[in-house]
């Protein structure tokens, strides 16, 4: 097998490339490096710079590298931006996906993994979110991920492609510092950013029906997420052509935002009482995955703790922000 990973120089993509390459899979990365970093990739991984929605580039890469499977991670991913720029998100995440699938069909590729999101569920009012929980996205980002799932499944059914849609919950941590998240869009680096600048971390809403009033979320270590991709890829490789798999990727454990802020303070030594601001529209009181299907069907289970996520993320943050250590 030769796997093409689109967006493979990004935060999640580089971890997936690392996990698959270390497991002996042949890996080619396609990334325009708009947010990805070439230095994240292992030396054995070939990088092709280009867009995952450029048909000419796709046809060339799929043919030259004899690609037999695709892991599609390249996408626009900021919820707030999607509300401001829905046309951009639909063009990049849905129209771009259609171009990629057309190239995949033309090249005879028979395995396709799609990076989806727990955002497809919207604001689920359940204790644990299963793959059967109704999908009701509340923002354009979530809508494009759900539409992407529909498109992937339809193409797989029509053209005999084995497909998998992986619905990630909240991703954090780093397998090694150089692979850490460089953005400030997820809650852990957002806390680091404010603490490094001497500001209190922000909590959006503390009046939810949860034990401490703040939202409860399921966090998954990015290294565990990468291992999940490897497990799914090998499952599709070993299984019958035309298989369709949809799975949640999480730990099945909830952590409140206030408890996360406390843990960040313990790890960094920057213990600052968070400031509570108004809840953000659409935020769920609780969003915790049922990850039992991955364990039962593929033998995969998350291994890393919440503390390990925060500790590894902090090491990566300090690598790029050396002033953070002196602040702690």
C-alpha atoms as a PDB file:
ATOM      1  CA  UNK A   1       0.000   0.000   0.000  1.00  0.00           C
ATOM      2  CA  UNK A   2       1.009   3.572  -0.665  1.00  0.00           C
ATOM      3  CA  UNK A   3      -1.001   6.153   1.243  1.00  0.00           C
ATOM      4  CA  UNK A   4      -1.444   9.759   0.165  1.00  0.00           C
ATOM      5  CA  UNK A   5      -2.117  12.073   3.127  1.00  0.00           C
ATOM      6  CA  UNK A   6      -3.577  15.421   2.117  1.00  0.00           C
ATOM      7  CA  UNK A   7      -2.747  18.153   4.613  1.00  0.00           C
ATOM      8  CA  UNK A   8      -0.067  15.839   5.969  1.00  0.00           C
ATOM      9  CA  UNK A   9       2.282  18.633   7.102  1.00  0.00           C
ATOM     10  CA  UNK A  10      -0.331  20.074   9.454  1.00  0.00           C
ATOM     11  CA  UNK A  11      -0.680  19.441  13.183  1.00  0.00           C
ATOM     12  CA  UNK A  12      -2.807  16.300  12.916  1.00  0.00           C
ATOM     13  CA  UNK A  13      -1.540  15.289   9.487  1.00  0.00           C
ATOM     14  CA  UNK A  14       2.109  15.157  10.535  1.00  0.00           C
ATOM     15  CA  UNK A  15       1.230  12.884  13.443  1.00  0.00           C
ATOM     16  CA  UNK A  16      -0.666  10.583  11.079  1.00  0.00           C
ATOM     17  CA  UNK A  17       2.268  10.581   8.638  1.00  0.00           C
ATOM     18  CA  UNK A  18       4.666   9.752  11.482  1.00  0.00           C
ATOM     19  CA  UNK A  19       2.523   6.903  12.829  1.00  0.00           C
ATOM     20  CA  UNK A  20       1.971   5.323   9.421  1.00  0.00           C
ATOM     21  CA  UNK A  21       5.603   5.666   8.314  1.00  0.00           C
ATOM     22  CA  UNK A  22       6.908   4.200  11.580  1.00  0.00           C
ATOM     23  CA  UNK A  23       4.528   1.262  11.119  1.00  0.00           C
ATOM     24  CA  UNK A  24       6.122   0.518   7.745  1.00  0.00           C
ATOM     25  CA  UNK A  25       3.495   2.053   5.459  1.00  0.00           C
ATOM     26  CA  UNK A  26       4.652   3.949   2.365  1.00  0.00           C
ATOM     27  CA  UNK A  27       3.490   7.563   2.757  1.00  0.00           C
ATOM     28  CA  UNK A  28       3.303  10.539   0.407  1.00  0.00           C
ATOM     29  CA  UNK A  29       2.123  13.919   1.715  1.00  0.00           C
ATOM     30  CA  UNK A  30       0.327  16.540  -0.368  1.00  0.00           C
ATOM     31  CA  UNK A  31       0.257  19.932   1.351  1.00  0.00           C
ATOM     32  CA  UNK A  32       0.279  23.528   0.132  1.00  0.00           C
ATOM     33  CA  UNK A  33       2.145  24.534   3.333  1.00  0.00           C
ATOM     34  CA  UNK A  34      -0.263  27.410   3.971  1.00  0.00           C
ATOM     35  CA  UNK A  35      -0.439  26.233   7.574  1.00  0.00           C
ATOM     36  CA  UNK A  36       1.669  23.060   7.450  1.00  0.00           C
ATOM     37  CA  UNK A  37       5.388  22.841   8.177  1.00  0.00           C
ATOM     38  CA  UNK A  38       7.790  20.721   6.138  1.00  0.00           C
ATOM     39  CA  UNK A  39      10.067  20.129   9.149  1.00  0.00           C
ATOM     40  CA  UNK A  40       7.311  18.157  10.850  1.00  0.00           C
ATOM     41  CA  UNK A  41       7.636  15.286   8.383  1.00  0.00           C
ATOM     42  CA  UNK A  42       9.893  12.241   8.829  1.00  0.00           C
ATOM     43  CA  UNK A  43      12.733  11.964   6.258  1.00  0.00           C
ATOM     44  CA  UNK A  44      11.190   8.821   4.752  1.00  0.00           C
ATOM     45  CA  UNK A  45       7.991  10.669   3.825  1.00  0.00           C
ATOM     46  CA  UNK A  46       7.823  12.303   0.392  1.00  0.00           C
ATOM     47  CA  UNK A  47       6.319  15.803   0.360  1.00  0.00           C
ATOM     48  CA  UNK A  48       4.589  17.194  -2.716  1.00  0.00           C
ATOM     49  CA  UNK A  49       3.711  20.863  -2.411  1.00  0.00           C
ATOM     50  CA  UNK A  50       0.294  21.583  -3.907  1.00  0.00           C
ATOM     51  CA  UNK A  51      -3.431  21.830  -3.336  1.00  0.00           C
ATOM     52  CA  UNK A  52      -5.644  18.842  -2.648  1.00  0.00           C
ATOM     53  CA  UNK A  53      -8.253  20.410  -4.929  1.00  0.00           C
ATOM     54  CA  UNK A  54      -5.929  20.852  -7.931  1.00  0.00           C
ATOM     55  CA  UNK A  55      -6.921  18.096 -10.333  1.00  0.00           C
ATOM     56  CA  UNK A  56      -3.749  18.293 -12.417  1.00  0.00           C
ATOM     57  CA  UNK A  57      -1.562  17.920  -9.322  1.00  0.00           C
ATOM     58  CA  UNK A  58      -3.742  15.119  -7.972  1.00  0.00           C
ATOM     59  CA  UNK A  59      -3.629  13.109 -11.197  1.00  0.00           C
ATOM     60  CA  UNK A  60       0.152  13.418 -11.299  1.00  0.00           C
ATOM     61  CA  UNK A  61       0.734  12.473  -7.645  1.00  0.00           C
ATOM     62  CA  UNK A  62      -1.677   9.535  -7.659  1.00  0.00           C
ATOM     63  CA  UNK A  63      -0.042   8.108 -10.800  1.00  0.00           C
ATOM     64  CA  UNK A  64       3.647   8.816 -10.072  1.00  0.00           C
ATOM     65  CA  UNK A  65       3.489   7.329  -6.579  1.00  0.00           C
ATOM     66  CA  UNK A  66       1.089   4.470  -7.414  1.00  0.00           C
ATOM     67  CA  UNK A  67      -1.194   5.548  -4.578  1.00  0.00           C
ATOM     68  CA  UNK A  68      -3.587   2.862  -3.355  1.00  0.00           C
ATOM     69  CA  UNK A  69      -5.225   4.708  -0.454  1.00  0.00           C
ATOM     70  CA  UNK A  70      -5.945   8.305   0.588  1.00  0.00           C
ATOM     71  CA  UNK A  71      -6.207   9.900   4.020  1.00  0.00           C
ATOM     72  CA  UNK A  72      -7.909  13.257   3.487  1.00  0.00           C
ATOM     73  CA  UNK A  73      -7.154  15.814   6.205  1.00  0.00           C
ATOM     74  CA  UNK A  74      -6.746  19.024   4.206  1.00  0.00           C
ATOM     75  CA  UNK A  75      -9.609  21.380   5.074  1.00  0.00           C
ATOM     76  CA  UNK A  76     -10.620  24.722   6.523  1.00  0.00           C
ATOM     77  CA  UNK A  77     -11.242  24.153  10.234  1.00  0.00           C
ATOM     78  CA  UNK A  78     -12.105  27.338  12.167  1.00  0.00           C
ATOM     79  CA  UNK A  79     -15.705  27.413  13.345  1.00  0.00           C
ATOM     80  CA  UNK A  80     -15.904  31.198  13.745  1.00  0.00           C
ATOM     81  CA  UNK A  81     -14.362  31.813  10.362  1.00  0.00           C
ATOM     82  CA  UNK A  82     -16.845  29.413   8.782  1.00  0.00           C
ATOM     83  CA  UNK A  83     -19.721  31.558  10.060  1.00  0.00           C
ATOM     84  CA  UNK A  84     -18.124  34.651   8.525  1.00  0.00           C
ATOM     85  CA  UNK A  85     -17.078  32.953   5.278  1.00  0.00           C
ATOM     86  CA  UNK A  86     -19.453  30.074   4.524  1.00  0.00           C
ATOM     87  CA  UNK A  87     -18.822  30.211   0.779  1.00  0.00           C
ATOM     88  CA  UNK A  88     -15.090  29.731   1.355  1.00  0.00           C
ATOM     89  CA  UNK A  89     -15.737  26.735   3.617  1.00  0.00           C
ATOM     90  CA  UNK A  90     -18.131  25.040   1.222  1.00  0.00           C
ATOM     91  CA  UNK A  91     -15.747  25.633  -1.687  1.00  0.00           C
ATOM     92  CA  UNK A  92     -12.694  24.301   0.160  1.00  0.00           C
ATOM     93  CA  UNK A  93     -14.284  21.506   2.168  1.00  0.00           C
ATOM     94  CA  UNK A  94     -16.997  20.217  -0.169  1.00  0.00           C
ATOM     95  CA  UNK A  95     -16.194  21.285  -3.732  1.00  0.00           C
ATOM     96  CA  UNK A  96     -12.506  20.559  -3.137  1.00  0.00           C
ATOM     97  CA  UNK A  97     -13.397  17.115  -1.780  1.00  0.00           C
ATOM     98  CA  UNK A  98     -15.441  16.395  -4.917  1.00  0.00           C
ATOM     99  CA  UNK A  99     -12.400  17.188  -7.090  1.00  0.00           C
ATOM    100  CA  UNK A 100     -10.241  14.867  -4.992  1.00  0.00           C
ATOM    101  CA  UNK A 101     -12.768  12.038  -5.199  1.00  0.00           C
ATOM    102  CA  UNK A 102     -13.008  12.434  -8.973  1.00  0.00           C
ATOM    103  CA  UNK A 103      -9.231  12.021  -9.189  1.00  0.00           C
ATOM    104  CA  UNK A 104      -9.357   9.032  -6.816  1.00  0.00           C
ATOM    105  CA  UNK A 105     -11.997   7.317  -8.957  1.00  0.00           C
ATOM    106  CA  UNK A 106     -10.077   8.014 -12.183  1.00  0.00           C
ATOM    107  CA  UNK A 107      -6.872   6.600 -10.672  1.00  0.00           C
ATOM    108  CA  UNK A 108      -8.562   3.437  -9.425  1.00  0.00           C
ATOM    109  CA  UNK A 109      -7.772   4.087  -5.755  1.00  0.00           C
ATOM    110  CA  UNK A 110      -9.889   1.791  -3.603  1.00  0.00           C
ATOM    111  CA  UNK A 111      -9.468   3.062  -0.027  1.00  0.00           C
ATOM    112  CA  UNK A 112     -10.381   6.495   1.330  1.00  0.00           C
ATOM    113  CA  UNK A 113     -10.255   7.829   4.924  1.00  0.00           C
ATOM    114  CA  UNK A 114     -12.052  11.100   5.587  1.00  0.00           C
ATOM    115  CA  UNK A 115     -11.231  13.456   8.448  1.00  0.00           C
ATOM    116  CA  UNK A 116     -14.625  14.368   9.881  1.00  0.00           C
ATOM    117  CA  UNK A 117     -15.497  15.988  13.201  1.00  0.00           C
ATOM    118  CA  UNK A 118     -17.737  15.784  16.245  1.00  0.00           C
ATOM    119  CA  UNK A 119     -19.084  19.104  14.908  1.00  0.00           C
ATOM    120  CA  UNK A 120     -21.450  17.027  12.753  1.00  0.00           C
ATOM    121  CA  UNK A 121     -23.482  16.279  15.902  1.00  0.00           C
ATOM    122  CA  UNK A 122     -24.126  19.932  16.748  1.00  0.00           C
ATOM    123  CA  UNK A 123     -25.336  20.248  20.354  1.00  0.00           C
ATOM    124  CA  UNK A 124     -26.189  16.684  21.373  1.00  0.00           C
ATOM    125  CA  UNK A 125     -28.331  16.350  24.496  1.00  0.00           C
ATOM    126  CA  UNK A 126     -27.034  12.921  25.494  1.00  0.00           C
ATOM    127  CA  UNK A 127     -24.644  11.528  28.096  1.00  0.00           C
ATOM    128  CA  UNK A 128     -22.473   9.812  25.490  1.00  0.00           C
ATOM    129  CA  UNK A 129     -22.446  10.575  21.769  1.00  0.00           C
ATOM    130  CA  UNK A 130     -22.599   7.394  19.692  1.00  0.00           C
ATOM    131  CA  UNK A 131     -22.275   7.054  15.946  1.00  0.00           C
ATOM    132  CA  UNK A 132     -26.068   6.715  15.872  1.00  0.00           C
ATOM    133  CA  UNK A 133     -26.660  10.067  17.618  1.00  0.00           C
ATOM    134  CA  UNK A 134     -28.537  12.297  15.137  1.00  0.00           C
ATOM    135  CA  UNK A 135     -26.342  14.739  13.221  1.00  0.00           C
ATOM    136  CA  UNK A 136     -27.491  18.352  13.475  1.00  0.00           C
ATOM    137  CA  UNK A 137     -24.527  20.695  12.837  1.00  0.00           C
ATOM    138  CA  UNK A 138     -24.997  24.323  13.923  1.00  0.00           C
ATOM    139  CA  UNK A 139     -22.313  26.078  11.877  1.00  0.00           C
ATOM    140  CA  UNK A 140     -20.999  25.953   8.302  1.00  0.00           C
ATOM    141  CA  UNK A 141     -17.867  24.068   9.372  1.00  0.00           C
ATOM    142  CA  UNK A 142     -19.938  21.228  10.811  1.00  0.00           C
ATOM    143  CA  UNK A 143     -22.238  21.308   7.807  1.00  0.00           C
ATOM    144  CA  UNK A 144     -19.326  20.890   5.408  1.00  0.00           C
ATOM    145  CA  UNK A 145     -18.022  17.938   7.383  1.00  0.00           C
ATOM    146  CA  UNK A 146     -21.411  16.228   7.307  1.00  0.00           C
ATOM    147  CA  UNK A 147     -21.810  16.970   3.594  1.00  0.00           C
ATOM    148  CA  UNK A 148     -18.299  15.579   3.122  1.00  0.00           C
ATOM    149  CA  UNK A 149     -19.320  12.340   4.805  1.00  0.00           C
ATOM    150  CA  UNK A 150     -22.344  12.036   2.510  1.00  0.00           C
ATOM    151  CA  UNK A 151     -20.173  12.634  -0.537  1.00  0.00           C
ATOM    152  CA  UNK A 152     -17.501  10.137   0.541  1.00  0.00           C
ATOM    153  CA  UNK A 153     -20.055   7.401   1.227  1.00  0.00           C
ATOM    154  CA  UNK A 154     -21.914   8.021  -2.034  1.00  0.00           C
ATOM    155  CA  UNK A 155     -18.704   7.902  -4.059  1.00  0.00           C
ATOM    156  CA  UNK A 156     -17.607   4.761  -2.268  1.00  0.00           C
ATOM    157  CA  UNK A 157     -20.889   3.010  -2.955  1.00  0.00           C
ATOM    158  CA  UNK A 158     -20.987   4.070  -6.599  1.00  0.00           C
ATOM    159  CA  UNK A 159     -17.372   3.277  -7.430  1.00  0.00           C
ATOM    160  CA  UNK A 160     -16.429   0.361  -5.173  1.00  0.00           C
ATOM    161  CA  UNK A 161     -14.222   2.305  -2.765  1.00  0.00           C
ATOM    162  CA  UNK A 162     -13.797   1.268   0.871  1.00  0.00           C
ATOM    163  CA  UNK A 163     -14.411   4.378   2.965  1.00  0.00           C
ATOM    164  CA  UNK A 164     -14.109   5.492   6.568  1.00  0.00           C
ATOM    165  CA  UNK A 165     -15.260   8.712   8.245  1.00  0.00           C
ATOM    166  CA  UNK A 166     -13.448   9.500  11.508  1.00  0.00           C
ATOM    167  CA  UNK A 167     -15.340  11.878  13.789  1.00  0.00           C
ATOM    168  CA  UNK A 168     -12.739  13.481  16.043  1.00  0.00           C
ATOM    169  CA  UNK A 169     -13.565  15.059  19.364  1.00  0.00           C
ATOM    170  CA  UNK A 170     -11.197  17.668  20.917  1.00  0.00           C
ATOM    171  CA  UNK A 171      -7.593  17.056  19.878  1.00  0.00           C
ATOM    172  CA  UNK A 172      -4.655  18.059  22.105  1.00  0.00           C
ATOM    173  CA  UNK A 173      -1.049  17.188  22.922  1.00  0.00           C
ATOM    174  CA  UNK A 174       1.955  16.285  20.797  1.00  0.00           C
ATOM    175  CA  UNK A 175       3.968  13.123  20.159  1.00  0.00           C
ATOM    176  CA  UNK A 176       7.103  15.283  20.292  1.00  0.00           C
ATOM    177  CA  UNK A 177       7.587  19.047  20.709  1.00  0.00           C
ATOM    178  CA  UNK A 178       8.353  19.783  17.049  1.00  0.00           C
ATOM    179  CA  UNK A 179       4.949  18.357  16.075  1.00  0.00           C
ATOM    180  CA  UNK A 180       2.932  20.522  18.473  1.00  0.00           C
ATOM    181  CA  UNK A 181      -0.024  22.653  17.439  1.00  0.00           C
ATOM    182  CA  UNK A 182       1.223  26.068  16.304  1.00  0.00           C
ATOM    183  CA  UNK A 183      -2.224  27.655  16.113  1.00  0.00           C
ATOM    184  CA  UNK A 184      -4.142  29.392  18.889  1.00  0.00           C
ATOM    185  CA  UNK A 185      -7.592  28.121  17.982  1.00  0.00           C
ATOM    186  CA  UNK A 186      -7.968  25.131  20.313  1.00  0.00           C
ATOM    187  CA  UNK A 187      -8.556  25.533  24.037  1.00  0.00           C
ATOM    188  CA  UNK A 188      -5.190  24.262  25.341  1.00  0.00           C
ATOM    189  CA  UNK A 189      -2.971  26.575  23.242  1.00  0.00           C
ATOM    190  CA  UNK A 190      -5.485  29.381  23.900  1.00  0.00           C
ATOM    191  CA  UNK A 191      -4.859  28.928  27.642  1.00  0.00           C
ATOM    192  CA  UNK A 192      -1.079  28.819  27.067  1.00  0.00           C
ATOM    193  CA  UNK A 193      -1.189  31.974  24.974  1.00  0.00           C
ATOM    194  CA  UNK A 194      -2.998  34.033  27.570  1.00  0.00           C
ATOM    195  CA  UNK A 195      -0.952  32.749  30.489  1.00  0.00           C
ATOM    196  CA  UNK A 196       2.319  33.422  28.662  1.00  0.00           C
ATOM    197  CA  UNK A 197       1.191  37.009  28.134  1.00  0.00           C
ATOM    198  CA  UNK A 198       0.296  37.378  31.810  1.00  0.00           C
ATOM    199  CA  UNK A 199      -3.447  37.233  31.188  1.00  0.00           C
ATOM    200  CA  UNK A 200      -6.048  35.020  32.813  1.00  0.00           C
ATOM    201  CA  UNK A 201      -7.442  32.163  30.752  1.00  0.00           C
ATOM    202  CA  UNK A 202     -11.016  32.620  29.597  1.00  0.00           C
ATOM    203  CA  UNK A 203     -13.939  30.302  30.282  1.00  0.00           C
ATOM    204  CA  UNK A 204     -17.052  30.844  28.214  1.00  0.00           C
ATOM    205  CA  UNK A 205     -20.014  30.245  30.505  1.00  0.00           C
ATOM    206  CA  UNK A 206     -20.257  28.684  33.959  1.00  0.00           C
ATOM    207  CA  UNK A 207     -23.999  28.185  34.249  1.00  0.00           C
ATOM    208  CA  UNK A 208     -24.305  24.877  32.427  1.00  0.00           C
ATOM    209  CA  UNK A 209     -25.997  21.874  34.096  1.00  0.00           C
ATOM    210  CA  UNK A 210     -22.641  20.223  34.846  1.00  0.00           C
ATOM    211  CA  UNK A 211     -20.888  19.529  38.168  1.00  0.00           C
ATOM    212  CA  UNK A 212     -18.902  22.818  38.148  1.00  0.00           C
ATOM    213  CA  UNK A 213     -21.089  24.769  35.740  1.00  0.00           C
ATOM    214  CA  UNK A 214     -18.600  24.786  32.856  1.00  0.00           C
ATOM    215  CA  UNK A 215     -18.810  22.802  29.653  1.00  0.00           C
ATOM    216  CA  UNK A 216     -17.634  19.190  29.648  1.00  0.00           C
ATOM    217  CA  UNK A 217     -15.640  17.901  26.682  1.00  0.00           C
ATOM    218  CA  UNK A 218     -13.894  14.743  25.512  1.00  0.00           C
ATOM    219  CA  UNK A 219     -10.198  15.262  24.707  1.00  0.00           C
ATOM    220  CA  UNK A 220      -8.067  12.917  22.624  1.00  0.00           C
ATOM    221  CA  UNK A 221      -4.265  12.924  22.438  1.00  0.00           C
ATOM    222  CA  UNK A 222      -3.165  13.586  18.870  1.00  0.00           C
ATOM    223  CA  UNK A 223      -0.823  10.568  19.017  1.00  0.00           C
ATOM    224  CA  UNK A 224      -3.810   8.361  19.865  1.00  0.00           C
ATOM    225  CA  UNK A 225      -5.717   9.953  16.997  1.00  0.00           C
ATOM    226  CA  UNK A 226      -2.831   9.141  14.650  1.00  0.00           C
ATOM    227  CA  UNK A 227      -2.820   5.526  15.840  1.00  0.00           C
ATOM    228  CA  UNK A 228      -6.567   5.411  15.158  1.00  0.00           C
ATOM    229  CA  UNK A 229      -5.926   6.431  11.550  1.00  0.00           C
ATOM    230  CA  UNK A 230      -3.375   3.655  11.205  1.00  0.00           C
ATOM    231  CA  UNK A 231      -5.812   1.116  12.677  1.00  0.00           C
ATOM    232  CA  UNK A 232      -8.589   2.202  10.311  1.00  0.00           C
ATOM    233  CA  UNK A 233      -6.269   2.227   7.288  1.00  0.00           C
ATOM    234  CA  UNK A 234      -5.139  -1.317   7.986  1.00  0.00           C
ATOM    235  CA  UNK A 235      -8.707  -2.398   8.647  1.00  0.00           C
ATOM    236  CA  UNK A 236      -9.784  -1.124   5.229  1.00  0.00           C
ATOM    237  CA  UNK A 237      -6.730  -2.674   3.600  1.00  0.00           C
ATOM    238  CA  UNK A 238      -7.526  -6.100   5.041  1.00  0.00           C
ATOM    239  CA  UNK A 239     -11.284  -5.923   4.534  1.00  0.00           C
ATOM    240  CA  UNK A 240     -13.521  -6.349   1.501  1.00  0.00           C
ATOM    241  CA  UNK A 241     -13.641  -3.589  -1.099  1.00  0.00           C
ATOM    242  CA  UNK A 242     -16.679  -1.350  -0.676  1.00  0.00           C
ATOM    243  CA  UNK A 243     -16.725  -1.304   3.120  1.00  0.00           C
ATOM    244  CA  UNK A 244     -18.198   1.793   4.792  1.00  0.00           C
ATOM    245  CA  UNK A 245     -17.095   2.675   8.338  1.00  0.00           C
ATOM    246  CA  UNK A 246     -18.041   5.637  10.541  1.00  0.00           C
ATOM    247  CA  UNK A 247     -16.395   5.926  13.974  1.00  0.00           C
ATOM    248  CA  UNK A 248     -16.018   8.348  16.852  1.00  0.00           C
ATOM    249  CA  UNK A 249     -12.461   9.045  18.007  1.00  0.00           C
ATOM    250  CA  UNK A 250     -12.348  10.039  21.668  1.00  0.00           C
ATOM    251  CA  UNK A 251     -11.625   8.679  25.139  1.00  0.00           C
ATOM    252  CA  UNK A 252     -15.198   8.397  26.378  1.00  0.00           C
ATOM    253  CA  UNK A 253     -14.322  10.568  29.380  1.00  0.00           C
ATOM    254  CA  UNK A 254     -15.473  14.101  30.044  1.00  0.00           C
ATOM    255  CA  UNK A 255     -13.299  16.903  31.470  1.00  0.00           C
ATOM    256  CA  UNK A 256     -14.774  20.271  32.397  1.00  0.00           C
ATOM    257  CA  UNK A 257     -13.221  23.448  31.047  1.00  0.00           C
ATOM    258  CA  UNK A 258     -12.576  24.643  34.606  1.00  0.00           C
ATOM    259  CA  UNK A 259     -10.770  21.412  35.494  1.00  0.00           C
ATOM    260  CA  UNK A 260      -8.728  21.748  32.307  1.00  0.00           C
ATOM    261  CA  UNK A 261      -7.748  25.289  33.311  1.00  0.00           C
ATOM    262  CA  UNK A 262      -6.651  23.978  36.715  1.00  0.00           C
ATOM    263  CA  UNK A 263      -4.585  21.230  35.085  1.00  0.00           C
ATOM    264  CA  UNK A 264      -2.922  23.729  32.750  1.00  0.00           C
ATOM    265  CA  UNK A 265      -1.999  25.805  35.814  1.00  0.00           C
ATOM    266  CA  UNK A 266      -0.517  22.772  37.550  1.00  0.00           C
ATOM    267  CA  UNK A 267       1.570  21.754  34.527  1.00  0.00           C
ATOM    268  CA  UNK A 268       2.810  25.222  33.596  1.00  0.00           C
ATOM    269  CA  UNK A 269       3.180  26.612  37.109  1.00  0.00           C
ATOM    270  CA  UNK A 270       1.128  29.609  35.941  1.00  0.00           C
ATOM    271  CA  UNK A 271      -1.776  29.299  38.327  1.00  0.00           C
ATOM    272  CA  UNK A 272      -4.162  32.107  37.461  1.00  0.00           C
ATOM    273  CA  UNK A 273      -7.875  32.164  38.251  1.00  0.00           C
ATOM    274  CA  UNK A 274      -9.781  32.067  34.953  1.00  0.00           C
ATOM    275  CA  UNK A 275     -12.146  34.853  33.986  1.00  0.00           C
ATOM    276  CA  UNK A 276     -15.671  33.799  33.096  1.00  0.00           C
ATOM    277  CA  UNK A 277     -17.239  35.381  30.049  1.00  0.00           C
ATOM    278  CA  UNK A 278     -20.618  34.968  28.398  1.00  0.00           C
ATOM    279  CA  UNK A 279     -21.273  31.540  26.886  1.00  0.00           C
ATOM    280  CA  UNK A 280     -20.730  31.287  23.156  1.00  0.00           C
ATOM    281  CA  UNK A 281     -23.800  30.595  21.005  1.00  0.00           C
ATOM    282  CA  UNK A 282     -24.141  26.919  20.187  1.00  0.00           C
ATOM    283  CA  UNK A 283     -21.724  25.577  22.805  1.00  0.00           C
ATOM    284  CA  UNK A 284     -23.002  22.300  24.237  1.00  0.00           C
ATOM    285  CA  UNK A 285     -23.104  21.698  27.980  1.00  0.00           C
ATOM    286  CA  UNK A 286     -21.572  18.265  27.414  1.00  0.00           C
ATOM    287  CA  UNK A 287     -20.022  16.523  24.399  1.00  0.00           C
ATOM    288  CA  UNK A 288     -18.396  13.198  25.258  1.00  0.00           C
ATOM    289  CA  UNK A 289     -17.791  10.376  22.798  1.00  0.00           C
ATOM    290  CA  UNK A 290     -18.762   6.786  22.995  1.00  0.00           C
ATOM    291  CA  UNK A 291     -15.620   5.241  21.492  1.00  0.00           C
ATOM    292  CA  UNK A 292     -16.702   1.637  21.964  1.00  0.00           C
ATOM    293  CA  UNK A 293     -17.047   0.846  18.283  1.00  0.00           C
ATOM    294  CA  UNK A 294     -13.350   1.470  17.604  1.00  0.00           C
ATOM    295  CA  UNK A 295     -12.390  -0.855  20.454  1.00  0.00           C
ATOM    296  CA  UNK A 296     -14.892  -3.578  19.630  1.00  0.00           C
ATOM    297  CA  UNK A 297     -14.335  -3.703  15.871  1.00  0.00           C
ATOM    298  CA  UNK A 298     -10.721  -2.553  15.448  1.00  0.00           C
ATOM    299  CA  UNK A 299      -9.109  -3.216  18.832  1.00  0.00           C
ATOM    300  CA  UNK A 300      -8.132   0.456  19.222  1.00  0.00           C
ATOM    301  CA  UNK A 301      -8.396   2.377  22.471  1.00  0.00           C
ATOM    302  CA  UNK A 302      -6.948   5.726  23.545  1.00  0.00           C
ATOM    303  CA  UNK A 303      -3.926   5.342  25.855  1.00  0.00           C
ATOM    304  CA  UNK A 304      -2.937   8.872  26.902  1.00  0.00           C
ATOM    305  CA  UNK A 305      -4.281  10.790  29.882  1.00  0.00           C
ATOM    306  CA  UNK A 306      -5.419  14.390  30.015  1.00  0.00           C
ATOM    307  CA  UNK A 307      -2.295  15.337  31.962  1.00  0.00           C
ATOM    308  CA  UNK A 308      -0.086  13.770  29.290  1.00  0.00           C
ATOM    309  CA  UNK A 309      -1.874  15.831  26.667  1.00  0.00           C
ATOM    310  CA  UNK A 310      -1.292  19.077  28.545  1.00  0.00           C
ATOM    311  CA  UNK A 311       2.338  18.251  29.433  1.00  0.00           C
ATOM    312  CA  UNK A 312       3.271  17.342  25.863  1.00  0.00           C
ATOM    313  CA  UNK A 313       1.442  20.374  24.464  1.00  0.00           C
ATOM    314  CA  UNK A 314       3.295  22.635  26.911  1.00  0.00           C
ATOM    315  CA  UNK A 315       6.663  21.254  25.798  1.00  0.00           C
ATOM    316  CA  UNK A 316       5.754  22.049  22.217  1.00  0.00           C
ATOM    317  CA  UNK A 317       4.514  25.515  23.133  1.00  0.00           C
ATOM    318  CA  UNK A 318       7.748  26.313  24.975  1.00  0.00           C
ATOM    319  CA  UNK A 319       9.816  25.157  21.997  1.00  0.00           C
ATOM    320  CA  UNK A 320       8.288  27.940  19.902  1.00  0.00           C
ATOM    321  CA  UNK A 321       7.738  30.389  22.753  1.00  0.00           C
ATOM    322  CA  UNK A 322      10.871  30.171  24.984  1.00  0.00           C
ATOM    323  CA  UNK A 323       9.650  33.169  26.977  1.00  0.00           C
ATOM    324  CA  UNK A 324       6.875  30.947  28.360  1.00  0.00           C
ATOM    325  CA  UNK A 325       9.262  29.074  30.662  1.00  0.00           C
ATOM    326  CA  UNK A 326      10.547  32.259  32.249  1.00  0.00           C
ATOM    327  CA  UNK A 327       6.951  33.301  32.898  1.00  0.00           C
ATOM    328  CA  UNK A 328       6.235  30.115  34.844  1.00  0.00           C
END
